[in-house]
């Protein structure tokens, strides 16, 4: 199939905006050497892995240039990262409960999750997840000899409290220790948990002796109509942990650094984190993430407006080109969950198991083969993912339009 967007520039109507999502042409994006742009042939439009098609925020680029000019490429040191996040939390989320002394720098959010789970569970213990959910939750937990227990999301893709309580009971059987690994906001559905939902989760976890570990990497990426609530800000979460970074909101996945945050009752446990964990983060990563939280607010605001526009555009394009696909309008993140079950592709194209991010089946394989559009395969997100795909809409409107046109054409040609 011809790559009709190869020379496409941002929409003329969008050209005067400072929206980061309309600043780069497809030709510029194809010069990138990251996974998103090199894992597939050049005729494929990559809307799968969670990288954004944006330039670096100027305040971050400036501090990195300064560090490089100074040769400031040694070992990370100090509490500036945590201080910047604490100030950001007050300003954005009206939460003043983040204590710098209750934080630890970790290499990235998933490695931090593994290290925290090692503090509160052991081999053979159980970790509950709400499926469908971010595939590394399965892979990282299972590789560390913990059993993954699923609590399926409800039909509205929100946490089903009855299913969660049942999973907690199963997780705690025979006196095992157990943790609940939560995605807040939820990846892949884009659901932003309400304060009421989080309070109910905290109460259930207390009732059953389950420790909560909240992945909040998408916390800054909440779109209009929803409000992000840090889990550690709700009553009952005092013995929980949260992990976050600027990675998703400012597109810094290649600059490794994240923060583990302990609730008041868990602070002593966090201090038991092995010292070698703190050697994993990149010093340049710490500099970049600190600058993002401290000085990247204006850039983030522009990004959120652009994501809101793209969320609306995606809904329109699906209605026009793929009317049989059910679109769950995300409240946060730049990821959308598309239920393609009615297309019947999941049975014809096969299915595998959860957690293996590189494995394609069902509609994701169909759209890659027939439309040359790369999406994330739903089955790797666990139970409830069969017949679905995750699409990354953090790209230019031109690329989004071309991708949906290709997908619609492929379905019509079935």
Protein backbone atom coordinates (compact mmCIF):
# COMPACT_ATOMS: atom_id res chain seq x y z
CA UNK A 1 0.00 0.00 0.00
CA UNK A 2 1.33 3.44 -0.90
CA UNK A 3 2.37 5.65 2.02
CA UNK A 4 0.23 8.65 1.12
CA UNK A 5 1.18 10.59 4.24
CA UNK A 6 4.93 10.47 3.79
CA UNK A 7 5.24 14.14 2.93
CA UNK A 8 2.25 15.33 4.92
CA UNK A 9 2.81 18.36 7.13
CA UNK A 10 0.57 19.44 10.02
CA UNK A 11 -2.93 20.59 9.05
CA UNK A 12 -2.96 24.12 7.67
CA UNK A 13 -5.62 25.13 10.17
CA UNK A 14 -3.43 23.85 13.01
CA UNK A 15 -0.14 25.33 11.83
CA UNK A 16 -0.27 28.46 13.99
CA UNK A 17 -0.86 26.57 17.24
CA UNK A 18 1.74 25.64 19.80
CA UNK A 19 0.16 22.19 20.19
CA UNK A 20 3.16 19.80 20.34
CA UNK A 21 1.18 17.24 18.33
CA UNK A 22 1.21 19.32 15.15
CA UNK A 23 4.87 20.35 15.13
CA UNK A 24 6.52 17.39 13.35
CA UNK A 25 5.95 16.00 9.86
CA UNK A 26 5.92 12.30 9.13
CA UNK A 27 9.26 12.65 7.35
CA UNK A 28 10.79 14.08 10.54
CA UNK A 29 9.24 11.36 12.69
CA UNK A 30 10.62 8.62 10.46
CA UNK A 31 14.15 9.86 11.24
CA UNK A 32 13.72 8.70 14.83
CA UNK A 33 15.51 5.54 15.92
CA UNK A 34 13.25 4.58 18.84
CA UNK A 35 11.21 1.38 19.02
CA UNK A 36 8.01 3.01 17.81
CA UNK A 37 9.55 4.06 14.50
CA UNK A 38 11.99 1.21 13.84
CA UNK A 39 10.11 -1.95 14.86
CA UNK A 40 8.05 -1.97 11.64
CA UNK A 41 8.79 -1.30 7.96
CA UNK A 42 8.59 2.29 6.74
CA UNK A 43 5.19 1.86 5.07
CA UNK A 44 3.57 1.13 8.47
CA UNK A 45 1.94 3.89 10.52
CA UNK A 46 2.95 3.08 14.13
CA UNK A 47 0.15 3.75 16.62
CA UNK A 48 1.04 1.10 19.15
CA UNK A 49 3.72 1.61 21.82
CA UNK A 50 3.28 4.52 24.25
CA UNK A 51 5.56 7.09 22.65
CA UNK A 52 4.24 10.46 21.50
CA UNK A 53 4.96 12.15 18.19
CA UNK A 54 6.06 15.44 19.75
CA UNK A 55 9.26 17.48 20.03
CA UNK A 56 10.89 17.74 23.44
CA UNK A 57 9.47 20.40 25.73
CA UNK A 58 11.82 23.44 25.54
CA UNK A 59 12.50 23.66 29.31
CA UNK A 60 13.63 20.03 29.33
CA UNK A 61 15.78 20.42 26.23
CA UNK A 62 17.44 23.49 27.78
CA UNK A 63 18.46 21.80 31.02
CA UNK A 64 19.78 18.78 29.14
CA UNK A 65 21.87 20.98 26.82
CA UNK A 66 23.29 22.78 29.84
CA UNK A 67 24.15 19.49 31.54
CA UNK A 68 25.87 18.19 28.41
CA UNK A 69 27.78 21.42 27.89
CA UNK A 70 29.03 21.15 31.48
CA UNK A 71 29.81 17.47 31.18
CA UNK A 72 27.33 16.93 34.02
CA UNK A 73 26.86 13.24 33.25
CA UNK A 74 27.82 11.60 36.51
CA UNK A 75 25.71 9.98 39.22
CA UNK A 76 22.27 11.24 40.26
CA UNK A 77 22.11 12.96 43.64
CA UNK A 78 19.72 14.92 45.85
CA UNK A 79 15.96 15.29 46.34
CA UNK A 80 15.18 17.82 43.62
CA UNK A 81 13.09 15.31 41.64
CA UNK A 82 10.83 14.52 44.59
CA UNK A 83 10.55 18.20 45.50
CA UNK A 84 9.47 19.06 41.96
CA UNK A 85 6.85 16.30 41.96
CA UNK A 86 5.54 17.39 45.36
CA UNK A 87 5.07 20.96 44.10
CA UNK A 88 3.41 19.67 40.92
CA UNK A 89 1.03 17.54 43.01
CA UNK A 90 -0.04 20.56 45.04
CA UNK A 91 -0.58 22.72 41.98
CA UNK A 92 -2.26 20.15 39.71
CA UNK A 93 -3.97 17.71 42.05
CA UNK A 94 -4.43 19.82 45.22
CA UNK A 95 -2.54 17.15 47.15
CA UNK A 96 -0.04 18.32 49.74
CA UNK A 97 0.61 14.90 51.28
CA UNK A 98 3.68 13.90 49.27
CA UNK A 99 6.62 13.82 51.69
CA UNK A 100 10.07 13.95 50.11
CA UNK A 101 11.46 11.75 52.88
CA UNK A 102 8.92 9.07 51.88
CA UNK A 103 10.25 8.73 48.33
CA UNK A 104 13.01 6.82 46.56
CA UNK A 105 14.44 7.21 43.08
CA UNK A 106 14.13 4.03 40.98
CA UNK A 107 15.20 3.25 37.40
CA UNK A 108 11.68 3.40 35.94
CA UNK A 109 8.13 2.74 37.03
CA UNK A 110 8.00 -0.98 36.19
CA UNK A 111 11.37 -1.75 37.80
CA UNK A 112 10.22 0.27 40.79
CA UNK A 113 7.03 -1.79 40.97
CA UNK A 114 9.05 -5.00 41.00
CA UNK A 115 11.26 -3.72 43.82
CA UNK A 116 8.29 -2.56 45.89
CA UNK A 117 6.50 -5.89 45.39
CA UNK A 118 9.65 -7.61 46.66
CA UNK A 119 9.35 -5.58 49.87
CA UNK A 120 5.77 -6.66 50.60
CA UNK A 121 5.43 -10.10 48.95
CA UNK A 122 7.59 -13.15 48.37
CA UNK A 123 7.87 -15.97 45.84
CA UNK A 124 4.58 -17.83 45.63
CA UNK A 125 2.55 -14.89 46.90
CA UNK A 126 -0.19 -13.33 44.77
CA UNK A 127 -0.57 -10.06 42.87
CA UNK A 128 -4.05 -8.99 41.76
CA UNK A 129 -4.55 -7.01 38.55
CA UNK A 130 -7.70 -5.62 36.91
CA UNK A 131 -7.77 -7.01 33.39
CA UNK A 132 -7.47 -5.99 30.65
CA UNK A 133 -4.39 -4.14 31.86
CA UNK A 134 -0.87 -3.06 30.86
CA UNK A 135 0.92 -6.26 29.67
CA UNK A 136 4.15 -5.84 31.71
CA UNK A 137 2.02 -6.25 34.85
CA UNK A 138 1.80 -9.91 33.88
CA UNK A 139 5.30 -10.41 32.55
CA UNK A 140 7.27 -8.66 35.30
CA UNK A 141 5.20 -10.16 38.13
CA UNK A 142 5.25 -13.71 36.76
CA UNK A 143 9.00 -13.55 36.08
CA UNK A 144 9.49 -12.67 39.74
CA UNK A 145 7.72 -15.87 40.89
CA UNK A 146 4.47 -14.26 42.01
CA UNK A 147 1.06 -15.57 40.92
CA UNK A 148 -1.06 -13.13 38.91
CA UNK A 149 -4.76 -13.19 39.80
CA UNK A 150 -7.17 -11.31 37.55
CA UNK A 151 -10.17 -9.25 38.60
CA UNK A 152 -11.99 -8.46 35.37
CA UNK A 153 -13.15 -4.91 34.79
CA UNK A 154 -16.89 -4.42 34.52
CA UNK A 155 -18.80 -4.00 31.22
CA UNK A 156 -18.25 -0.22 31.58
CA UNK A 157 -14.49 -0.91 31.85
CA UNK A 158 -14.40 0.43 35.39
CA UNK A 159 -13.23 -1.51 38.44
CA UNK A 160 -15.79 -4.13 39.46
CA UNK A 161 -15.61 -4.05 43.25
CA UNK A 162 -17.27 -7.45 43.67
CA UNK A 163 -14.80 -9.06 41.27
CA UNK A 164 -11.95 -7.28 43.04
CA UNK A 165 -13.04 -8.53 46.47
CA UNK A 166 -13.33 -12.08 45.14
CA UNK A 167 -9.79 -11.79 43.74
CA UNK A 168 -8.54 -10.48 47.09
CA UNK A 169 -10.04 -13.50 48.87
CA UNK A 170 -8.39 -15.90 46.40
CA UNK A 171 -5.10 -14.04 46.65
CA UNK A 172 -5.04 -14.36 50.44
CA UNK A 173 -5.92 -18.05 50.57
CA UNK A 174 -3.72 -20.25 52.77
CA UNK A 175 -2.29 -17.19 54.48
CA UNK A 176 -0.41 -15.87 51.45
CA UNK A 177 0.65 -12.27 51.31
CA UNK A 178 -1.00 -10.34 48.50
CA UNK A 179 -0.78 -7.06 46.65
CA UNK A 180 -3.07 -5.24 44.27
CA UNK A 181 -1.18 -3.71 41.35
CA UNK A 182 -3.39 -0.91 40.12
CA UNK A 183 -3.16 1.24 36.99
CA UNK A 184 -4.32 4.77 37.90
CA UNK A 185 -5.39 6.06 35.33
CA UNK A 186 -6.09 2.69 33.76
CA UNK A 187 -4.05 1.53 30.79
CA UNK A 188 -5.40 0.52 28.20
CA UNK A 189 -8.94 1.81 28.75
CA UNK A 190 -8.11 5.41 29.68
CA UNK A 191 -10.50 5.25 32.65
CA UNK A 192 -9.68 7.74 35.40
CA UNK A 193 -10.71 6.29 38.75
CA UNK A 194 -12.88 8.58 40.87
CA UNK A 195 -12.05 9.43 44.47
CA UNK A 196 -15.08 7.39 45.55
CA UNK A 197 -13.81 4.34 43.64
CA UNK A 198 -10.33 4.69 45.11
CA UNK A 199 -11.73 5.00 48.64
CA UNK A 200 -13.71 1.79 48.10
CA UNK A 201 -10.59 0.02 46.80
CA UNK A 202 -8.59 1.18 49.82
CA UNK A 203 -11.31 -0.08 52.18
CA UNK A 204 -11.41 -3.49 50.49
CA UNK A 205 -7.63 -3.78 50.60
CA UNK A 206 -7.60 -2.98 54.33
CA UNK A 207 -10.40 -5.46 54.99
CA UNK A 208 -8.54 -8.32 53.32
CA UNK A 209 -4.97 -7.41 54.25
CA UNK A 210 -3.94 -6.65 50.66
CA UNK A 211 -1.27 -4.05 49.94
CA UNK A 212 -1.89 -1.63 47.07
CA UNK A 213 0.80 -0.55 44.60
CA UNK A 214 -0.49 2.18 42.29
CA UNK A 215 1.10 2.84 38.89
CA UNK A 216 0.40 6.55 38.33
CA UNK A 217 2.65 7.24 35.36
CA UNK A 218 -0.31 8.59 33.34
CA UNK A 219 -1.51 10.83 36.19
CA UNK A 220 -0.61 14.14 34.49
CA UNK A 221 -2.46 13.06 31.33
CA UNK A 222 -6.07 13.52 32.42
CA UNK A 223 -8.26 15.15 29.79
CA UNK A 224 -11.21 17.52 30.12
CA UNK A 225 -14.16 16.07 32.00
CA UNK A 226 -12.16 14.02 34.52
CA UNK A 227 -9.98 14.63 37.58
CA UNK A 228 -6.95 12.64 38.68
CA UNK A 229 -6.82 11.53 42.31
CA UNK A 230 -3.50 10.22 43.68
CA UNK A 231 -4.23 6.96 45.49
CA UNK A 232 -2.11 7.95 48.48
CA UNK A 233 -4.40 10.94 49.04
CA UNK A 234 -7.44 8.83 49.97
CA UNK A 235 -8.27 7.51 53.47
CA UNK A 236 -7.08 3.94 53.99
CA UNK A 237 -4.13 4.22 51.62
CA UNK A 238 -1.58 4.99 54.31
CA UNK A 239 0.13 1.61 53.90
CA UNK A 240 0.17 1.75 50.09
CA UNK A 241 2.80 2.70 47.52
CA UNK A 242 2.63 4.74 44.32
CA UNK A 243 5.09 4.99 41.46
CA UNK A 244 5.29 7.70 38.85
CA UNK A 245 7.53 9.67 36.54
CA UNK A 246 7.38 12.30 33.81
CA UNK A 247 7.96 9.60 31.21
CA UNK A 248 4.52 9.44 29.57
CA UNK A 249 3.37 13.04 29.92
CA UNK A 250 6.61 14.54 28.56
CA UNK A 251 7.73 11.64 26.30
CA UNK A 252 10.88 10.78 28.27
CA UNK A 253 10.88 6.97 28.14
CA UNK A 254 14.49 6.97 26.91
CA UNK A 255 15.67 9.02 29.89
CA UNK A 256 15.26 6.60 32.77
CA UNK A 257 14.21 7.88 36.19
CA UNK A 258 11.13 7.39 38.36
CA UNK A 259 9.96 7.85 41.93
CA UNK A 260 8.54 5.34 44.39
CA UNK A 261 6.34 7.01 47.00
CA UNK A 262 5.29 5.40 50.27
CA UNK A 263 2.24 6.14 52.34
CA UNK A 264 2.92 7.15 55.93
CA UNK A 265 2.64 3.58 57.27
CA UNK A 266 4.86 2.15 54.51
CA UNK A 267 7.75 4.62 54.79
CA UNK A 268 9.91 2.28 56.89
CA UNK A 269 9.50 -0.49 54.31
CA UNK A 270 10.57 1.80 51.48
CA UNK A 271 13.79 2.51 53.38
CA UNK A 272 14.61 -1.20 53.01
CA UNK A 273 14.92 -0.81 49.24
CA UNK A 274 18.38 -2.15 48.29
CA UNK A 275 20.91 0.63 47.78
CA UNK A 276 21.85 -0.66 44.33
CA UNK A 277 18.35 0.21 43.05
CA UNK A 278 19.21 3.90 43.39
CA UNK A 279 22.14 3.44 41.00
CA UNK A 280 19.82 2.47 38.12
CA UNK A 281 18.33 5.86 37.22
CA UNK A 282 20.15 8.03 34.70
CA UNK A 283 21.47 11.34 36.02
CA UNK A 284 20.29 13.00 32.80
CA UNK A 285 16.97 11.28 33.33
CA UNK A 286 16.63 12.75 36.81
CA UNK A 287 17.51 16.20 35.43
CA UNK A 288 14.93 15.85 32.65
CA UNK A 289 12.09 14.56 34.83
CA UNK A 290 12.75 17.20 37.45
CA UNK A 291 12.56 19.95 34.82
CA UNK A 292 9.34 18.46 33.43
CA UNK A 293 7.52 18.62 36.76
CA UNK A 294 9.06 21.96 37.72
CA UNK A 295 8.93 23.90 34.44
CA UNK A 296 6.94 21.85 31.92
CA UNK A 297 3.43 22.86 32.93
CA UNK A 298 2.73 25.26 30.06
CA UNK A 299 3.90 22.70 27.50
CA UNK A 300 1.76 20.04 29.17
CA UNK A 301 -1.30 22.29 28.99
CA UNK A 302 -0.84 22.68 25.23
CA UNK A 303 -0.38 18.94 24.86
CA UNK A 304 -3.59 18.21 26.77
CA UNK A 305 -5.56 20.52 24.47
CA UNK A 306 -4.11 18.70 21.46
CA UNK A 307 -4.93 15.30 22.94
CA UNK A 308 -8.48 16.49 23.60
CA UNK A 309 -8.76 17.48 19.93
CA UNK A 310 -7.36 14.12 18.81
CA UNK A 311 -9.69 12.22 21.14
CA UNK A 312 -12.63 13.99 19.49
CA UNK A 313 -11.17 13.40 16.02
CA UNK A 314 -10.65 9.70 16.71
CA UNK A 315 -14.30 9.31 17.65
CA UNK A 316 -15.39 11.02 14.43
CA UNK A 317 -13.05 8.93 12.28
CA UNK A 318 -14.22 5.68 13.86
CA UNK A 319 -17.83 6.61 13.26
CA UNK A 320 -17.02 7.37 9.63
CA UNK A 321 -14.67 4.51 8.73
CA UNK A 322 -15.25 1.76 11.34
CA UNK A 323 -18.84 2.10 12.58
CA UNK A 324 -18.89 -1.50 13.87
CA UNK A 325 -15.97 -0.86 16.23
CA UNK A 326 -16.97 0.13 19.77
CA UNK A 327 -14.94 3.07 21.03
CA UNK A 328 -14.58 3.61 24.75
CA UNK A 329 -13.84 7.34 24.98
CA UNK A 330 -10.79 7.64 27.28
CA UNK A 331 -10.84 10.09 30.17
CA UNK A 332 -7.07 10.14 30.45
CA UNK A 333 -3.85 8.94 28.80
CA UNK A 334 -3.36 9.14 25.03
CA UNK A 335 -4.45 5.55 24.55
CA UNK A 336 -7.85 4.34 23.41
CA UNK A 337 -9.38 0.87 23.67
CA UNK A 338 -11.23 -0.30 20.58
CA UNK A 339 -13.52 -3.34 20.72
CA UNK A 340 -13.37 -4.95 17.28
CA UNK A 341 -15.29 -8.08 18.27
CA UNK A 342 -18.09 -7.48 15.78
CA UNK A 343 -15.58 -7.60 12.94
CA UNK A 344 -14.96 -11.29 13.72
CA UNK A 345 -11.20 -11.00 13.31
CA UNK A 346 -10.19 -12.50 16.65
CA UNK A 347 -11.23 -16.01 15.65
CA UNK A 348 -9.78 -15.91 12.13
CA UNK A 349 -6.44 -14.44 13.15
CA UNK A 350 -5.89 -16.45 16.33
CA UNK A 351 -5.03 -15.42 19.88
CA UNK A 352 -2.23 -15.99 22.37
CA UNK A 353 -1.60 -15.35 26.06
CA UNK A 354 -1.23 -12.15 28.10
CA UNK A 355 1.92 -10.19 28.69
CA UNK A 356 3.92 -10.90 25.52
CA UNK A 357 3.96 -7.41 24.06
CA UNK A 358 5.63 -8.37 20.78
CA UNK A 359 3.05 -11.03 19.89
CA UNK A 360 0.29 -10.03 17.47
CA UNK A 361 -3.01 -11.75 16.83
CA UNK A 362 -6.61 -10.98 16.00
CA UNK A 363 -7.54 -7.51 14.76
CA UNK A 364 -4.07 -6.06 15.47
CA UNK A 365 -2.52 -8.60 13.11
CA UNK A 366 -5.20 -7.96 10.52
CA UNK A 367 -4.71 -4.18 10.58
CA UNK A 368 -0.94 -4.55 10.37
CA UNK A 369 -1.09 -7.00 7.48
CA UNK A 370 -3.92 -5.44 5.50
CA UNK A 371 -3.88 -1.73 6.45
CA UNK A 372 -0.20 -1.28 7.39
CA UNK A 373 -1.21 0.27 10.72
CA UNK A 374 0.50 -1.01 13.88
CA UNK A 375 -1.71 -1.26 16.97
CA UNK A 376 -1.30 -3.06 20.28
CA UNK A 377 -2.93 -6.49 20.28
CA UNK A 378 -5.70 -6.77 22.85
CA UNK A 379 -5.01 -10.33 23.98
CA UNK A 380 -1.69 -9.36 25.63
CA UNK A 381 -3.66 -7.21 28.10
CA UNK A 382 -5.19 -10.31 29.66
CA UNK A 383 -8.78 -11.51 30.05
CA UNK A 384 -11.21 -9.22 28.29
CA UNK A 385 -8.68 -8.16 25.68
CA UNK A 386 -9.55 -10.72 23.01
CA UNK A 387 -10.92 -9.06 19.89
CA UNK A 388 -9.72 -5.62 20.98
CA UNK A 389 -6.85 -3.30 20.10
CA UNK A 390 -5.20 -0.35 21.81
CA UNK A 391 -4.49 2.70 19.66
CA UNK A 392 -2.09 5.51 20.52
CA UNK A 393 -3.64 8.79 19.35
CA UNK A 394 -0.72 11.01 20.42
CA UNK A 395 0.20 11.75 16.83
CA UNK A 396 -0.58 14.37 14.19
CA UNK A 397 -4.17 14.68 12.99
CA UNK A 398 -2.92 13.87 9.47
CA UNK A 399 -1.43 10.54 10.58
CA UNK A 400 -4.54 9.71 12.61
CA UNK A 401 -6.79 10.39 9.61
CA UNK A 402 -4.67 8.31 7.26
CA UNK A 403 -4.51 5.41 9.73
CA UNK A 404 -8.29 5.24 10.20
CA UNK A 405 -8.88 5.56 6.46
CA UNK A 406 -6.55 2.61 5.87
CA UNK A 407 -8.22 0.55 8.57
CA UNK A 408 -11.69 1.26 7.24
CA UNK A 409 -10.63 0.40 3.70
CA UNK A 410 -9.15 -2.91 4.88
CA UNK A 411 -12.38 -3.89 6.63
CA UNK A 412 -14.51 -2.97 3.63
CA UNK A 413 -12.27 -5.17 1.45
CA UNK A 414 -12.82 -8.25 3.65
